[in-house]
Amino acid sequence: MSNLKKKINNMNLVRFRFWFQIVAFLLIVYGGYIGFDLGDKLPTFACVYNSDGTGGKCYLGMLQHDLNHHWETFLGFAGYAFSISLGMFIVWFWLLNKAWCGFVCPLGTMQDWITAFRKKLKIRFSQYDWSSRAKIKSIKWILLILLLIIPVMISNSVFGLPTLPNGLSMPFCDICPGRMLIPAFTGDFGQFYIDFSSKTEIVMTTLGMIIVGLFLVGSFIKKRFFCYFCPMAALQYTFSKPALLKLYKDGSKCTKCGDCYRACDMDILEIADDVTSKNLVTEDCTLCLKCVAACPEEGCLEANFVGKTIFESTKEGFIIRMAMDKKRELNEQH
């Protein structure tokens, strides 16, 4: 094993991920102030309402905008533009796969900060029971379907139904917690309001305020609470199979010790129980790689980029990280 590979496999993943998230958060939330702009097709919550500060924009906003056209326009330029936008989103997503969630997403980073605060207070987090988790998994897909269908129904009659009001042109953005929370980090609290201009606006903005409250409270109680319901995660998973970054498992080396499951913020039991699948990126996975860092078995789990192993589980790395965790716990006690 080369020295570089050994250092990577033995690294403090918690510290590396913490600083990666900080840099990503600063660029996404404040990058616009220094002219940094990754465009408006990003597979992460870079909020369009953070107009001055944003270093890029979430594709869900552009997607809803693109879908709000008459059917016939998709046969012309609108259809071409839609294909280009979707293609650019897929290219961005394929670069990091669902690590956009685990390392880049500002809402994901906020939830991790809230979890860290809860730990400081020594309050235990909760977990979903498995019957509830199975039901919860469908919510992200329902939200994705709604944000795809509702903008279409503003300009078109679907199944003979009447068209919807223009106030629903960006239905998910109206209720997304990022709409209020991300601009707040630049001192803009203007999105915290209820719009009384129409019944539709009253309902949507009120719902948005409620969801922000649920986001903050839920993230304090449950790790990565919002990620279970995130329609971006559902859209990402649709295109995840060919992505360049993958999470692989060699089931023959797995002892089902459960360390990977206990490390997983999303309570993905398959990471421990599935010894037949090689690619373990599921719809709820954020590719945070905590499972790889927690695995004590040599080469059982690995992060693979374009066919090359970039980070894998090793006994030495496991022992080193266990010692780091123990030292951190002792420092916190004092």
Protein backbone atom coordinates (compact mmCIF):
# COMPACT_ATOMS: atom_id res chain seq x y z
CA MET A 1 0.00 0.00 0.00
CA SER A 2 1.42 3.42 -0.98
CA ASN A 3 1.93 6.03 1.72
CA LEU A 4 -0.69 8.30 0.17
CA LYS A 5 -3.30 5.54 0.03
CA LYS A 6 -2.47 4.55 3.60
CA LYS A 7 -2.89 8.15 4.82
CA ILE A 8 -6.24 8.45 3.06
CA ASN A 9 -7.54 5.16 4.48
CA ASN A 10 -6.36 6.15 7.99
CA MET A 11 -7.64 9.74 7.83
CA ASN A 12 -9.97 11.39 10.28
CA LEU A 13 -13.08 11.33 8.08
CA VAL A 14 -15.10 13.39 10.58
CA ARG A 15 -12.62 16.26 10.40
CA PHE A 16 -12.18 16.01 6.61
CA ARG A 17 -15.93 16.02 6.02
CA PHE A 18 -16.47 18.88 8.47
CA TRP A 19 -14.05 21.17 6.63
CA PHE A 20 -15.27 20.04 3.20
CA GLN A 21 -18.82 20.95 4.23
CA ILE A 22 -17.67 24.33 5.55
CA VAL A 23 -15.94 25.20 2.27
CA ALA A 24 -18.91 23.96 0.21
CA PHE A 25 -21.34 25.91 2.40
CA LEU A 26 -19.35 29.14 2.04
CA LEU A 27 -19.12 28.79 -1.74
CA ILE A 28 -22.79 27.89 -2.19
CA VAL A 29 -24.19 30.52 0.19
CA TYR A 30 -21.69 33.37 -0.24
CA GLY A 31 -19.86 32.61 -3.48
CA GLY A 32 -21.89 35.13 -5.46
CA TYR A 33 -20.25 37.98 -3.59
CA ILE A 34 -16.89 37.06 -5.13
CA GLY A 35 -18.25 36.18 -8.57
CA PHE A 36 -18.31 32.42 -7.98
CA ASP A 37 -21.17 30.87 -9.95
CA LEU A 38 -21.75 27.18 -10.78
CA GLY A 39 -24.95 27.90 -12.71
CA ASP A 40 -28.55 26.97 -12.07
CA LYS A 41 -28.50 23.19 -12.63
CA LEU A 42 -26.93 22.04 -9.36
CA PRO A 43 -28.12 18.77 -7.76
CA THR A 44 -28.17 20.38 -4.31
CA PHE A 45 -30.06 23.07 -2.42
CA ALA A 46 -28.37 26.27 -3.60
CA CYS A 47 -31.40 28.49 -3.20
CA VAL A 48 -32.47 30.81 -6.01
CA TYR A 49 -33.96 33.17 -3.38
CA ASN A 50 -30.44 33.79 -2.05
CA SER A 51 -30.06 35.99 -5.12
CA ASP A 52 -26.98 38.07 -4.22
CA GLY A 53 -24.96 35.52 -2.29
CA THR A 54 -25.54 32.23 -4.07
CA GLY A 55 -22.62 30.56 -5.79
CA GLY A 56 -25.00 28.38 -7.79
CA LYS A 57 -28.67 27.53 -7.96
CA CYS A 58 -30.72 24.42 -7.22
CA TYR A 59 -32.00 22.58 -10.30
CA LEU A 60 -35.43 22.02 -8.76
CA GLY A 61 -36.21 25.71 -9.28
CA MET A 62 -35.20 25.58 -12.95
CA LEU A 63 -37.04 22.27 -13.40
CA GLN A 64 -40.34 23.69 -12.16
CA HIS A 65 -39.86 26.77 -14.34
CA ASP A 66 -39.14 24.66 -17.45
CA LEU A 67 -42.25 22.53 -16.94
CA ASN A 68 -44.59 25.54 -16.82
CA HIS A 69 -45.19 25.67 -20.59
CA HIS A 70 -47.93 24.61 -22.98
CA TRP A 71 -47.54 21.08 -24.35
CA GLU A 72 -46.84 22.24 -27.90
CA THR A 73 -43.89 24.42 -26.88
CA PHE A 74 -41.98 21.30 -25.82
CA LEU A 75 -41.90 20.31 -29.49
CA GLY A 76 -39.79 23.39 -30.16
CA PHE A 77 -37.19 25.41 -28.31
CA ALA A 78 -38.70 24.82 -24.85
CA GLY A 79 -38.24 21.06 -25.27
CA TYR A 80 -34.67 21.57 -26.43
CA ALA A 81 -33.90 23.88 -23.49
CA PHE A 82 -35.47 21.39 -21.08
CA SER A 83 -33.29 18.56 -22.43
CA ILE A 84 -30.14 20.69 -22.11
CA SER A 85 -31.00 21.69 -18.54
CA LEU A 86 -31.73 18.11 -17.48
CA GLY A 87 -28.55 16.93 -19.17
CA MET A 88 -26.43 19.49 -17.31
CA PHE A 89 -28.04 18.48 -14.01
CA ILE A 90 -27.23 14.81 -14.72
CA VAL A 91 -23.61 15.63 -15.57
CA TRP A 92 -23.19 17.59 -12.33
CA PHE A 93 -24.84 14.79 -10.38
CA TRP A 94 -22.81 11.99 -11.97
CA LEU A 95 -19.63 13.73 -10.83
CA LEU A 96 -20.30 13.16 -7.11
CA ASN A 97 -23.40 10.94 -7.07
CA LYS A 98 -25.25 11.32 -3.76
CA ALA A 99 -22.17 12.77 -2.07
CA TRP A 100 -23.81 16.07 -3.06
CA CYS A 101 -26.08 15.30 -0.08
CA GLY A 102 -23.40 14.16 2.33
CA PHE A 103 -20.71 16.74 1.57
CA VAL A 104 -22.17 19.74 -0.29
CA CYS A 105 -25.86 20.37 0.46
CA PRO A 106 -26.33 23.44 2.72
CA LEU A 107 -29.51 21.96 4.25
CA GLY A 108 -27.64 18.74 4.99
CA THR A 109 -24.81 20.71 6.60
CA MET A 110 -27.29 22.67 8.74
CA GLN A 111 -28.80 19.41 9.95
CA ASP A 112 -25.33 18.11 10.88
CA TRP A 113 -24.69 21.32 12.85
CA ILE A 114 -27.98 20.88 14.69
CA THR A 115 -27.02 17.27 15.47
CA ALA A 116 -23.65 18.45 16.82
CA PHE A 117 -25.46 20.98 19.03
CA ARG A 118 -27.75 18.25 20.36
CA LYS A 119 -24.71 16.11 21.17
CA LYS A 120 -23.19 19.00 23.10
CA LEU A 121 -26.34 19.05 25.19
CA LYS A 122 -26.00 15.26 25.62
CA ILE A 123 -29.52 14.63 24.32
CA ARG A 124 -30.07 11.29 22.61
CA PHE A 125 -31.45 11.24 19.09
CA SER A 126 -34.47 9.21 18.06
CA GLN A 127 -34.88 6.57 15.36
CA TYR A 128 -37.79 5.56 13.18
CA ASP A 129 -39.22 2.10 13.64
CA TRP A 130 -39.05 0.00 10.48
CA SER A 131 -42.77 0.07 9.71
CA SER A 132 -42.74 3.89 9.86
CA ARG A 133 -39.55 4.11 7.81
CA ALA A 134 -41.10 2.11 4.99
CA LYS A 135 -44.00 4.57 4.81
CA ILE A 136 -41.76 7.62 5.10
CA LYS A 137 -39.66 6.53 2.11
CA SER A 138 -42.59 7.11 -0.23
CA ILE A 139 -43.04 10.76 0.76
CA LYS A 140 -39.99 11.99 -1.18
CA TRP A 141 -41.35 10.32 -4.33
CA ILE A 142 -44.79 11.85 -3.81
CA LEU A 143 -43.23 15.30 -3.44
CA LEU A 144 -41.14 14.77 -6.57
CA ILE A 145 -44.20 13.74 -8.60
CA LEU A 146 -46.16 16.74 -7.33
CA LEU A 147 -43.41 19.24 -8.16
CA LEU A 148 -43.26 17.75 -11.66
CA ILE A 149 -47.02 17.66 -12.28
CA ILE A 150 -48.23 20.90 -10.66
CA PRO A 151 -46.22 23.32 -12.88
CA VAL A 152 -47.41 21.40 -15.97
CA MET A 153 -51.03 21.79 -14.86
CA ILE A 154 -50.73 25.57 -14.69
CA SER A 155 -50.46 25.89 -18.48
CA ASN A 156 -52.18 22.65 -19.48
CA SER A 157 -55.37 20.77 -18.76
CA VAL A 158 -54.42 17.27 -17.61
CA PHE A 159 -57.11 14.57 -17.90
CA GLY A 160 -59.67 17.32 -18.49
CA LEU A 161 -58.98 18.94 -15.10
CA PRO A 162 -58.99 22.75 -14.85
CA THR A 163 -55.63 24.52 -14.92
CA LEU A 164 -54.04 25.55 -11.63
CA PRO A 165 -53.35 29.16 -10.47
CA ASN A 166 -50.02 30.83 -11.30
CA GLY A 167 -49.25 31.00 -7.59
CA LEU A 168 -48.29 27.32 -7.81
CA SER A 169 -45.66 27.79 -10.52
CA MET A 170 -42.84 26.78 -8.13
CA PRO A 171 -44.69 24.68 -5.54
CA PHE A 172 -41.72 23.00 -3.92
CA CYS A 173 -39.66 26.21 -3.69
CA ASP A 174 -42.57 27.79 -1.82
CA ILE A 175 -42.39 25.17 0.93
CA CYS A 176 -38.67 24.28 0.83
CA PRO A 177 -36.92 25.19 4.11
CA GLY A 178 -33.94 26.39 2.06
CA ARG A 179 -36.02 29.31 0.75
CA MET A 180 -36.02 30.92 4.18
CA LEU A 181 -32.98 29.47 5.92
CA ILE A 182 -30.27 29.87 3.26
CA PRO A 183 -30.88 33.61 2.58
CA ALA A 184 -30.97 34.13 6.37
CA PHE A 185 -27.24 33.32 6.48
CA THR A 186 -26.61 36.41 4.34
CA GLY A 187 -28.75 38.57 6.62
CA ASP A 188 -31.84 38.37 4.40
CA PHE A 189 -34.88 37.43 6.50
CA GLY A 190 -37.32 38.69 3.89
CA GLN A 191 -38.57 35.19 3.08
CA PHE A 192 -40.02 34.74 6.56
CA TYR A 193 -43.50 36.00 5.78
CA ILE A 194 -47.06 34.98 4.94
CA ASP A 195 -48.34 36.34 1.64
CA PHE A 196 -52.00 37.46 1.90
CA SER A 197 -52.31 38.44 -1.78
CA SER A 198 -54.36 35.33 -2.63
CA LYS A 199 -55.69 32.15 -1.04
CA THR A 200 -53.03 30.13 -2.86
CA GLU A 201 -50.22 32.33 -1.56
CA ILE A 202 -51.63 32.24 1.98
CA VAL A 203 -51.69 28.43 1.95
CA MET A 204 -48.25 27.97 0.38
CA THR A 205 -46.35 30.53 2.45
CA THR A 206 -48.03 29.34 5.66
CA LEU A 207 -47.10 25.77 4.77
CA GLY A 208 -43.56 26.94 4.11
CA MET A 209 -43.30 28.50 7.58
CA ILE A 210 -44.62 25.31 9.17
CA ILE A 211 -42.11 23.15 7.28
CA VAL A 212 -39.21 25.37 8.38
CA GLY A 213 -40.30 24.81 11.97
CA LEU A 214 -40.54 21.07 11.39
CA PHE A 215 -37.10 21.11 9.75
CA LEU A 216 -35.46 22.76 12.77
CA VAL A 217 -37.25 20.71 15.41
CA GLY A 218 -37.05 17.45 13.48
CA SER A 219 -33.32 17.86 12.77
CA PHE A 220 -32.72 18.32 16.50
CA ILE A 221 -34.57 15.10 17.30
CA LYS A 222 -33.48 12.93 14.36
CA LYS A 223 -30.24 12.91 12.37
CA ARG A 224 -30.75 14.16 8.82
CA PHE A 225 -34.50 14.41 9.44
CA PHE A 226 -35.35 16.31 6.23
CA CYS A 227 -33.28 13.98 4.00
CA TYR A 228 -35.90 11.23 4.42
CA PHE A 229 -38.48 13.45 2.71
CA CYS A 230 -36.25 15.23 0.19
CA PRO A 231 -37.51 15.13 -3.43
CA MET A 232 -34.02 16.05 -4.65
CA ALA A 233 -32.82 12.74 -3.20
CA ALA A 234 -35.52 10.93 -5.19
CA LEU A 235 -34.58 12.75 -8.41
CA GLN A 236 -30.90 12.00 -7.83
CA TYR A 237 -31.54 8.31 -7.21
CA THR A 238 -33.32 8.09 -10.57
CA PHE A 239 -29.99 8.82 -12.29
CA SER A 240 -27.58 7.33 -9.74
CA LYS A 241 -26.63 3.99 -11.32
CA PRO A 242 -24.14 5.34 -13.93
CA ALA A 243 -22.63 7.96 -11.56
CA LEU A 244 -18.83 8.07 -11.30
CA LEU A 245 -18.63 7.84 -7.50
CA LYS A 246 -19.93 4.60 -5.98
CA LEU A 247 -20.11 2.81 -2.65
CA TYR A 248 -19.06 -0.81 -3.05
CA LYS A 249 -19.23 -3.74 -0.66
CA ASP A 250 -17.47 -7.09 -0.74
CA GLY A 251 -20.04 -9.25 1.02
CA SER A 252 -17.58 -12.12 1.46
CA LYS A 253 -15.60 -9.97 3.92
CA CYS A 254 -18.63 -8.79 5.90
CA THR A 255 -19.14 -10.25 9.40
CA LYS A 256 -22.43 -8.35 9.97
CA CYS A 257 -20.99 -6.67 13.04
CA GLY A 258 -23.36 -3.73 12.49
CA ASP A 259 -20.76 -0.98 12.93
CA CYS A 260 -21.62 0.48 9.54
CA TYR A 261 -25.33 0.60 10.37
CA ARG A 262 -24.69 2.27 13.74
CA ALA A 263 -22.55 4.92 11.99
CA CYS A 264 -25.18 5.63 9.32
CA ASP A 265 -27.13 8.86 9.88
CA MET A 266 -29.92 7.53 7.66
CA ASP A 267 -30.36 4.17 9.50
CA ILE A 268 -29.83 2.18 6.30
CA LEU A 269 -29.96 -1.42 7.49
CA GLU A 270 -29.07 -2.80 4.05
CA ILE A 271 -25.51 -1.53 4.47
CA ALA A 272 -25.02 -4.19 7.15
CA ASP A 273 -27.42 -6.93 6.07
CA ASP A 274 -26.95 -6.99 2.30
CA VAL A 275 -24.01 -9.26 1.44
CA THR A 276 -25.00 -9.90 -2.18
CA SER A 277 -25.26 -6.44 -3.76
CA LYS A 278 -22.01 -4.78 -4.76
CA ASN A 279 -23.31 -1.23 -5.28
CA LEU A 280 -24.91 -0.05 -2.02
CA VAL A 281 -26.04 3.47 -2.94
CA THR A 282 -29.74 3.55 -2.01
CA GLU A 283 -32.30 6.33 -2.33
CA ASP A 284 -31.67 7.42 1.29
CA CYS A 285 -27.86 7.13 1.14
CA THR A 286 -26.01 10.47 1.32
CA LEU A 287 -22.59 8.94 0.49
CA CYS A 288 -21.14 10.52 3.64
CA LEU A 289 -18.77 7.48 3.83
CA LYS A 290 -19.21 7.12 7.59
CA CYS A 291 -19.94 3.44 7.04
CA VAL A 292 -16.57 2.96 5.31
CA ALA A 293 -14.75 4.70 8.15
CA ALA A 294 -16.59 2.60 10.77
CA CYS A 295 -15.98 -0.78 9.12
CA PRO A 296 -13.27 -2.91 10.81
CA GLU A 297 -12.92 -5.41 7.96
CA GLU A 298 -10.10 -5.05 5.44
CA GLY A 299 -11.49 -3.96 2.07
CA CYS A 300 -15.10 -4.76 2.91
CA LEU A 301 -16.44 -1.30 2.05
CA GLU A 302 -14.97 1.21 -0.38
CA ALA A 303 -15.63 4.49 -2.15
CA ASN A 304 -14.85 4.00 -5.81
CA PHE A 305 -14.40 6.76 -8.39
CA VAL A 306 -14.29 5.83 -12.10
CA GLY A 307 -13.29 2.28 -11.19
CA LYS A 308 -10.52 3.35 -8.79
CA THR A 309 -10.67 2.82 -5.03
CA ILE A 310 -10.23 6.19 -3.32
CA PHE A 311 -11.14 5.28 0.28
CA GLU A 312 -11.64 1.83 1.80
CA SER A 313 -12.11 0.16 5.14
CA THR A 314 -8.97 -1.18 6.81
CA LYS A 315 -8.27 -2.64 10.22
CA GLU A 316 -5.54 -0.07 10.84
CA GLY A 317 -7.77 2.83 9.86
CA PHE A 318 -10.57 1.51 12.07
CA ILE A 319 -8.26 1.27 15.10
CA ILE A 320 -6.86 4.76 14.51
CA ARG A 321 -10.31 6.31 14.19
CA MET A 322 -11.53 4.45 17.29
CA ALA A 323 -8.63 5.99 19.22
CA MET A 324 -9.52 9.43 17.82
CA ASP A 325 -13.12 9.01 18.92
CA LYS A 326 -12.07 7.92 22.39
CA LYS A 327 -9.75 10.92 22.73
CA ARG A 328 -12.48 13.28 21.57
CA GLU A 329 -14.95 11.84 24.10
CA LEU A 330 -12.42 12.29 26.92
CA ASN A 331 -11.78 15.90 25.88
CA GLU A 332 -15.52 16.61 25.82
CA GLN A 333 -15.92 15.16 29.31
CA HIS A 334 -13.26 17.55 30.61
